[in-house]
N, C-alpha and C. Protein backbone atom coordinates (compact mmCIF):
# COMPACT_ATOMS: atom_id res chain seq x y z
N MET A 1 -76.51 179.98 -47.71
CA MET A 1 -76.25 180.96 -46.68
C MET A 1 -75.92 180.21 -45.39
N SER A 2 -74.72 180.43 -44.89
CA SER A 2 -74.30 179.72 -43.69
C SER A 2 -74.59 180.54 -42.43
N SER A 3 -74.86 179.82 -41.34
CA SER A 3 -75.12 180.47 -40.06
C SER A 3 -74.33 179.75 -38.98
N THR A 4 -73.66 180.52 -38.15
CA THR A 4 -72.88 179.92 -37.06
C THR A 4 -73.43 180.29 -35.70
N GLY A 5 -74.45 181.13 -35.66
CA GLY A 5 -74.99 181.61 -34.40
C GLY A 5 -74.18 182.75 -33.81
N ALA A 6 -73.22 183.25 -34.56
CA ALA A 6 -72.37 184.34 -34.08
C ALA A 6 -73.14 185.65 -34.05
N GLN A 7 -72.68 186.57 -33.21
CA GLN A 7 -73.26 187.91 -33.16
C GLN A 7 -72.21 188.91 -33.60
N TYR A 8 -72.66 189.90 -34.34
CA TYR A 8 -71.76 190.93 -34.86
C TYR A 8 -72.27 192.32 -34.52
N ARG A 9 -71.35 193.24 -34.44
CA ARG A 9 -71.68 194.64 -34.15
C ARG A 9 -72.00 195.34 -35.47
N ILE A 10 -73.15 196.00 -35.50
CA ILE A 10 -73.59 196.76 -36.67
C ILE A 10 -73.54 198.23 -36.30
N GLU A 11 -72.71 199.01 -36.97
CA GLU A 11 -72.58 200.44 -36.69
C GLU A 11 -73.22 201.24 -37.81
N LEU A 12 -74.03 202.23 -37.43
CA LEU A 12 -74.66 203.13 -38.41
C LEU A 12 -73.95 204.47 -38.35
N VAL A 13 -73.31 204.86 -39.45
CA VAL A 13 -72.57 206.12 -39.44
C VAL A 13 -73.49 207.33 -39.38
N ASN A 14 -74.72 207.21 -39.89
CA ASN A 14 -75.67 208.33 -39.87
C ASN A 14 -75.99 208.77 -38.45
N THR A 15 -76.17 207.79 -37.55
CA THR A 15 -76.58 208.10 -36.19
C THR A 15 -75.46 207.92 -35.18
N LYS A 16 -74.34 207.36 -35.62
CA LYS A 16 -73.20 207.07 -34.75
C LYS A 16 -73.57 206.10 -33.62
N ASP A 17 -74.56 205.26 -33.87
CA ASP A 17 -75.00 204.25 -32.91
C ASP A 17 -74.64 202.87 -33.43
N SER A 18 -74.75 201.88 -32.56
CA SER A 18 -74.51 200.51 -33.00
C SER A 18 -75.42 199.55 -32.23
N PHE A 19 -75.56 198.36 -32.76
CA PHE A 19 -76.33 197.30 -32.13
C PHE A 19 -75.71 195.97 -32.55
N THR A 20 -76.07 194.90 -31.87
CA THR A 20 -75.57 193.59 -32.26
C THR A 20 -76.66 192.83 -33.01
N CYS A 21 -76.20 191.94 -33.89
CA CYS A 21 -77.13 191.17 -34.71
C CYS A 21 -76.54 189.79 -34.94
N ARG A 22 -77.37 188.77 -34.78
CA ARG A 22 -76.94 187.40 -35.06
C ARG A 22 -76.79 187.20 -36.56
N ASP A 23 -75.94 186.26 -36.94
CA ASP A 23 -75.71 186.02 -38.36
C ASP A 23 -76.85 185.30 -39.07
N ASP A 24 -77.82 184.77 -38.33
CA ASP A 24 -78.96 184.10 -38.95
C ASP A 24 -80.21 184.97 -39.02
N VAL A 25 -80.05 186.25 -38.68
CA VAL A 25 -81.16 187.22 -38.71
C VAL A 25 -80.74 188.37 -39.61
N ASP A 26 -81.64 188.81 -40.50
CA ASP A 26 -81.26 189.95 -41.34
C ASP A 26 -81.07 191.19 -40.46
N VAL A 27 -80.24 192.09 -40.93
CA VAL A 27 -79.85 193.26 -40.13
C VAL A 27 -81.06 194.11 -39.73
N LEU A 28 -82.03 194.27 -40.61
CA LEU A 28 -83.20 195.08 -40.28
C LEU A 28 -84.00 194.46 -39.13
N ARG A 29 -84.24 193.16 -39.19
CA ARG A 29 -84.98 192.49 -38.10
C ARG A 29 -84.16 192.48 -36.81
N GLY A 30 -82.85 192.31 -36.93
CA GLY A 30 -82.00 192.37 -35.75
C GLY A 30 -82.10 193.71 -35.05
N MET A 31 -82.15 194.78 -35.84
CA MET A 31 -82.31 196.12 -35.29
C MET A 31 -83.67 196.27 -34.63
N GLU A 32 -84.72 195.81 -35.30
CA GLU A 32 -86.08 195.92 -34.76
C GLU A 32 -86.25 195.14 -33.47
N ARG A 33 -85.65 193.97 -33.38
CA ARG A 33 -85.77 193.14 -32.17
C ARG A 33 -85.23 193.85 -30.94
N LEU A 34 -84.28 194.76 -31.15
CA LEU A 34 -83.70 195.52 -30.04
C LEU A 34 -84.40 196.86 -29.83
N ASN A 35 -85.53 197.07 -30.55
CA ASN A 35 -86.29 198.33 -30.49
C ASN A 35 -85.43 199.52 -30.89
N TYR A 36 -84.51 199.30 -31.79
CA TYR A 36 -83.66 200.36 -32.31
C TYR A 36 -84.31 200.89 -33.58
N ARG A 37 -84.08 202.17 -33.90
CA ARG A 37 -84.77 202.78 -35.05
C ARG A 37 -83.84 203.51 -36.00
N GLY A 38 -82.65 203.03 -36.21
CA GLY A 38 -81.70 203.73 -37.07
C GLY A 38 -81.91 203.57 -38.55
N ILE A 39 -82.44 202.43 -38.98
CA ILE A 39 -82.67 202.17 -40.40
C ILE A 39 -84.17 202.24 -40.65
N PRO A 40 -84.61 203.02 -41.65
CA PRO A 40 -86.04 203.07 -41.96
C PRO A 40 -86.58 201.69 -42.33
N VAL A 41 -87.81 201.39 -41.90
CA VAL A 41 -88.43 200.07 -42.11
C VAL A 41 -89.57 200.19 -43.11
N GLY A 42 -89.59 199.27 -44.06
CA GLY A 42 -90.66 199.23 -45.04
C GLY A 42 -91.31 197.85 -45.06
N CYS A 43 -91.25 197.19 -46.21
CA CYS A 43 -91.97 195.92 -46.40
C CYS A 43 -91.29 194.72 -45.74
N ARG A 44 -90.02 194.81 -45.46
CA ARG A 44 -89.22 193.74 -44.83
C ARG A 44 -89.00 192.54 -45.74
N GLY A 45 -89.27 192.69 -47.03
CA GLY A 45 -89.13 191.56 -47.95
C GLY A 45 -88.29 191.81 -49.18
N GLY A 46 -87.59 192.93 -49.23
CA GLY A 46 -86.72 193.20 -50.38
C GLY A 46 -87.39 193.85 -51.56
N GLY A 47 -88.63 194.32 -51.39
CA GLY A 47 -89.37 194.84 -52.52
C GLY A 47 -89.67 196.31 -52.53
N CYS A 48 -89.36 197.07 -51.45
CA CYS A 48 -89.76 198.48 -51.44
C CYS A 48 -88.58 199.45 -51.46
N GLY A 49 -87.40 199.04 -51.05
CA GLY A 49 -86.23 199.91 -51.10
C GLY A 49 -86.07 200.89 -49.96
N VAL A 50 -86.98 200.88 -49.00
CA VAL A 50 -86.94 201.85 -47.90
C VAL A 50 -85.69 201.68 -47.03
N CYS A 51 -85.25 200.44 -46.82
CA CYS A 51 -84.14 200.17 -45.90
C CYS A 51 -82.78 200.11 -46.62
N LYS A 52 -82.64 200.86 -47.68
CA LYS A 52 -81.41 200.83 -48.49
C LYS A 52 -80.22 201.39 -47.71
N VAL A 53 -79.14 200.61 -47.69
CA VAL A 53 -77.92 200.99 -46.98
C VAL A 53 -76.72 200.70 -47.86
N THR A 54 -75.60 201.35 -47.55
CA THR A 54 -74.33 201.01 -48.17
C THR A 54 -73.44 200.42 -47.09
N VAL A 55 -72.89 199.26 -47.37
CA VAL A 55 -71.95 198.62 -46.45
C VAL A 55 -70.59 199.26 -46.69
N LEU A 56 -70.09 199.99 -45.69
CA LEU A 56 -68.82 200.67 -45.80
C LEU A 56 -67.65 199.75 -45.45
N SER A 57 -67.89 198.80 -44.55
CA SER A 57 -66.86 197.81 -44.22
C SER A 57 -67.50 196.59 -43.61
N GLY A 58 -66.84 195.45 -43.77
CA GLY A 58 -67.29 194.19 -43.20
C GLY A 58 -67.70 193.19 -44.25
N ASP A 59 -67.85 191.95 -43.81
CA ASP A 59 -68.25 190.84 -44.68
C ASP A 59 -69.72 190.54 -44.47
N TYR A 60 -70.41 190.19 -45.55
CA TYR A 60 -71.85 189.96 -45.47
C TYR A 60 -72.32 189.10 -46.63
N GLU A 61 -73.54 188.61 -46.52
CA GLU A 61 -74.25 187.92 -47.59
C GLU A 61 -75.60 188.61 -47.75
N THR A 62 -76.20 188.47 -48.92
CA THR A 62 -77.53 189.02 -49.15
C THR A 62 -78.43 187.98 -49.80
N LYS A 63 -79.72 188.18 -49.62
CA LYS A 63 -80.71 187.41 -50.36
C LYS A 63 -81.19 188.28 -51.52
N LYS A 64 -82.06 187.72 -52.34
CA LYS A 64 -82.58 188.40 -53.52
C LYS A 64 -83.26 189.72 -53.15
N MET A 65 -82.96 190.78 -53.92
CA MET A 65 -83.53 192.12 -53.73
C MET A 65 -84.15 192.59 -55.04
N SER A 66 -85.12 193.48 -54.95
CA SER A 66 -85.75 194.04 -56.14
C SER A 66 -84.74 194.89 -56.91
N ARG A 67 -84.57 194.60 -58.18
CA ARG A 67 -83.67 195.39 -59.03
C ARG A 67 -84.24 196.79 -59.31
N ALA A 68 -85.50 197.00 -58.97
CA ALA A 68 -86.08 198.34 -59.11
C ALA A 68 -85.45 199.30 -58.10
N TYR A 69 -84.88 198.74 -57.01
CA TYR A 69 -84.32 199.58 -55.95
C TYR A 69 -82.82 199.42 -55.77
N VAL A 70 -82.27 198.27 -56.15
CA VAL A 70 -80.83 198.04 -56.05
C VAL A 70 -80.38 197.39 -57.35
N SER A 71 -79.63 198.14 -58.15
CA SER A 71 -79.12 197.60 -59.41
C SER A 71 -77.96 196.65 -59.13
N GLU A 72 -77.59 195.87 -60.13
CA GLU A 72 -76.44 194.97 -59.97
C GLU A 72 -75.18 195.77 -59.65
N GLU A 73 -75.03 196.92 -60.30
CA GLU A 73 -73.86 197.77 -60.07
C GLU A 73 -73.83 198.29 -58.63
N GLU A 74 -74.98 198.73 -58.13
CA GLU A 74 -75.06 199.20 -56.75
C GLU A 74 -74.71 198.07 -55.78
N GLU A 75 -75.27 196.89 -56.03
CA GLU A 75 -75.01 195.75 -55.16
C GLU A 75 -73.51 195.41 -55.15
N GLN A 76 -72.89 195.43 -56.30
CA GLN A 76 -71.45 195.16 -56.38
C GLN A 76 -70.64 196.20 -55.61
N ALA A 77 -71.16 197.43 -55.52
CA ALA A 77 -70.48 198.51 -54.80
C ALA A 77 -70.84 198.53 -53.31
N GLY A 78 -71.67 197.57 -52.85
CA GLY A 78 -71.98 197.47 -51.43
C GLY A 78 -73.30 198.09 -51.01
N THR A 79 -74.11 198.56 -51.96
CA THR A 79 -75.41 199.12 -51.61
C THR A 79 -76.44 198.00 -51.70
N VAL A 80 -77.13 197.76 -50.57
CA VAL A 80 -78.05 196.64 -50.45
C VAL A 80 -79.26 197.06 -49.61
N LEU A 81 -80.21 196.16 -49.47
CA LEU A 81 -81.36 196.40 -48.60
C LEU A 81 -81.09 195.69 -47.27
N ALA A 82 -81.26 196.41 -46.17
CA ALA A 82 -80.97 195.86 -44.84
C ALA A 82 -81.83 194.65 -44.52
N CYS A 83 -83.03 194.57 -45.11
CA CYS A 83 -83.90 193.43 -44.85
C CYS A 83 -83.42 192.17 -45.54
N ARG A 84 -82.45 192.28 -46.42
CA ARG A 84 -81.89 191.14 -47.14
C ARG A 84 -80.41 190.94 -46.82
N LEU A 85 -79.92 191.65 -45.80
CA LEU A 85 -78.50 191.70 -45.45
C LEU A 85 -78.21 190.86 -44.21
N TYR A 86 -77.23 189.97 -44.30
CA TYR A 86 -76.82 189.10 -43.20
C TYR A 86 -75.34 189.33 -42.91
N ALA A 87 -75.04 189.71 -41.69
CA ALA A 87 -73.66 190.00 -41.29
C ALA A 87 -72.84 188.71 -41.20
N ARG A 88 -71.61 188.78 -41.67
CA ARG A 88 -70.64 187.69 -41.52
C ARG A 88 -69.41 188.18 -40.76
N SER A 89 -69.47 189.46 -40.35
CA SER A 89 -68.46 190.10 -39.51
C SER A 89 -69.10 191.38 -38.99
N ASP A 90 -68.37 192.15 -38.19
CA ASP A 90 -68.88 193.47 -37.80
C ASP A 90 -69.07 194.28 -39.08
N LEU A 91 -70.12 195.11 -39.11
CA LEU A 91 -70.42 195.92 -40.30
C LEU A 91 -70.50 197.39 -39.93
N LYS A 92 -70.09 198.22 -40.86
CA LYS A 92 -70.30 199.66 -40.76
C LYS A 92 -71.19 200.02 -41.94
N LEU A 93 -72.36 200.62 -41.64
CA LEU A 93 -73.38 200.92 -42.65
C LEU A 93 -73.71 202.40 -42.70
N GLU A 94 -74.14 202.83 -43.87
CA GLU A 94 -74.68 204.18 -44.04
C GLU A 94 -76.06 204.04 -44.67
N VAL A 95 -77.07 204.65 -44.05
CA VAL A 95 -78.42 204.65 -44.62
C VAL A 95 -78.42 205.57 -45.83
N VAL A 96 -78.88 205.06 -46.98
CA VAL A 96 -78.87 205.85 -48.21
C VAL A 96 -80.21 205.85 -48.91
N GLY A 97 -81.21 205.16 -48.37
CA GLY A 97 -82.52 205.09 -49.00
C GLY A 97 -83.24 206.42 -49.01
N GLY A 98 -84.42 206.42 -49.59
CA GLY A 98 -85.22 207.64 -49.73
C GLY A 98 -85.56 208.33 -48.43
N LEU A 99 -85.61 207.58 -47.32
CA LEU A 99 -85.94 208.18 -46.03
C LEU A 99 -84.70 208.68 -45.28
N LYS A 100 -83.54 208.63 -45.92
CA LYS A 100 -82.31 209.13 -45.30
C LYS A 100 -82.46 210.59 -44.89
N LYS A 101 -83.16 211.38 -45.70
CA LYS A 101 -83.36 212.80 -45.38
C LYS A 101 -84.09 212.97 -44.05
N CYS A 102 -85.09 212.12 -43.80
CA CYS A 102 -85.82 212.19 -42.53
C CYS A 102 -84.90 211.86 -41.37
N LEU A 103 -84.05 210.86 -41.54
CA LEU A 103 -83.11 210.48 -40.50
C LEU A 103 -82.12 211.61 -40.25
N ASP A 104 -81.61 212.22 -41.31
CA ASP A 104 -80.67 213.33 -41.17
C ASP A 104 -81.30 214.51 -40.43
N LYS A 105 -82.56 214.83 -40.76
CA LYS A 105 -83.25 215.94 -40.09
C LYS A 105 -83.46 215.62 -38.61
N LYS A 106 -83.86 214.37 -38.32
CA LYS A 106 -84.09 213.96 -36.94
C LYS A 106 -82.80 214.08 -36.14
N MET A 107 -81.69 213.66 -36.70
CA MET A 107 -80.41 213.70 -35.99
C MET A 107 -79.95 215.15 -35.81
N ALA A 108 -80.24 216.00 -36.77
CA ALA A 108 -79.84 217.41 -36.65
C ALA A 108 -80.60 218.09 -35.52
N LYS A 109 -81.82 217.64 -35.25
CA LYS A 109 -82.63 218.23 -34.19
C LYS A 109 -82.38 217.61 -32.82
N SER A 110 -81.63 216.52 -32.79
CA SER A 110 -81.40 215.80 -31.54
C SER A 110 -80.48 216.58 -30.62
N PRO A 111 -80.93 216.96 -29.42
CA PRO A 111 -80.07 217.68 -28.48
C PRO A 111 -78.86 216.85 -28.07
N PHE A 112 -79.04 215.53 -27.97
CA PHE A 112 -77.93 214.67 -27.59
C PHE A 112 -76.82 214.74 -28.64
N LEU A 113 -77.22 214.62 -29.93
CA LEU A 113 -76.22 214.67 -31.00
C LEU A 113 -75.55 216.03 -31.04
N ALA A 114 -76.31 217.10 -30.86
CA ALA A 114 -75.73 218.44 -30.88
C ALA A 114 -74.70 218.59 -29.76
N GLN A 115 -75.01 218.07 -28.57
CA GLN A 115 -74.07 218.15 -27.45
C GLN A 115 -72.84 217.31 -27.71
N ALA A 116 -73.03 216.11 -28.25
CA ALA A 116 -71.89 215.23 -28.52
C ALA A 116 -70.99 215.84 -29.59
N THR A 117 -71.60 216.42 -30.63
CA THR A 117 -70.81 217.04 -31.68
C THR A 117 -70.05 218.24 -31.14
N ALA A 118 -70.71 219.06 -30.31
CA ALA A 118 -70.05 220.22 -29.73
C ALA A 118 -68.91 219.80 -28.82
N ALA A 119 -69.13 218.75 -28.04
CA ALA A 119 -68.10 218.27 -27.13
C ALA A 119 -66.89 217.76 -27.89
N ALA A 120 -67.13 217.21 -29.09
CA ALA A 120 -66.03 216.71 -29.90
C ALA A 120 -65.30 217.85 -30.61
N GLY A 121 -65.84 219.04 -30.54
CA GLY A 121 -65.20 220.20 -31.16
C GLY A 121 -65.46 220.36 -32.63
N SER A 122 -66.42 219.58 -33.20
CA SER A 122 -66.68 219.71 -34.62
C SER A 122 -67.69 220.78 -34.97
N ALA A 123 -68.40 221.28 -33.99
CA ALA A 123 -69.40 222.30 -34.27
C ALA A 123 -69.59 223.15 -33.03
N PRO A 124 -70.00 224.39 -33.23
CA PRO A 124 -70.25 225.23 -32.05
C PRO A 124 -71.48 224.73 -31.31
N PRO A 125 -71.54 224.93 -29.99
CA PRO A 125 -72.71 224.49 -29.24
C PRO A 125 -73.95 225.27 -29.65
N LEU A 126 -75.09 224.62 -29.55
CA LEU A 126 -76.36 225.28 -29.87
C LEU A 126 -76.71 226.23 -28.74
N THR A 127 -77.27 227.37 -29.08
CA THR A 127 -77.69 228.34 -28.06
C THR A 127 -79.18 228.49 -28.04
C-alpha cells in the first residue's frame, strides 16, 4: 500500500456532504478526525460490517475485510468497508451497510436537507 501524503475529497451521496482524507488514513478514521458523522462507525477493524460503502467513482486500495460482510463479488463491484478503504483519488461513496436506514431517516428529518431539496426544486417545501 503506497502513501504519498496526498489529500483527497470524499463525497457521500447519502448526505450530499464531503470531507478530505489523507491517503495514509482509512476513510472512516479520516471522517472521524474531522468530527464528521456520515458513515456509521463500528469496530474500525474490518470485522463488523457497520461501515459498509459502495465506491461509485474514484481509485482506492483496501486492506483485508471480513468475508462475512463483504463477499469477493461485492468487493469486485466496489462495495467495501470504509475502515479498510484508502483513497488514491477523490472518491464518491454511498453508505450501504445495515445502518443506512438510520442515516436515511436522519437525513429525511433534517430541516437543512428539506430546505436544500426544496430550493433545488426536487420536492415541495415542508409545511
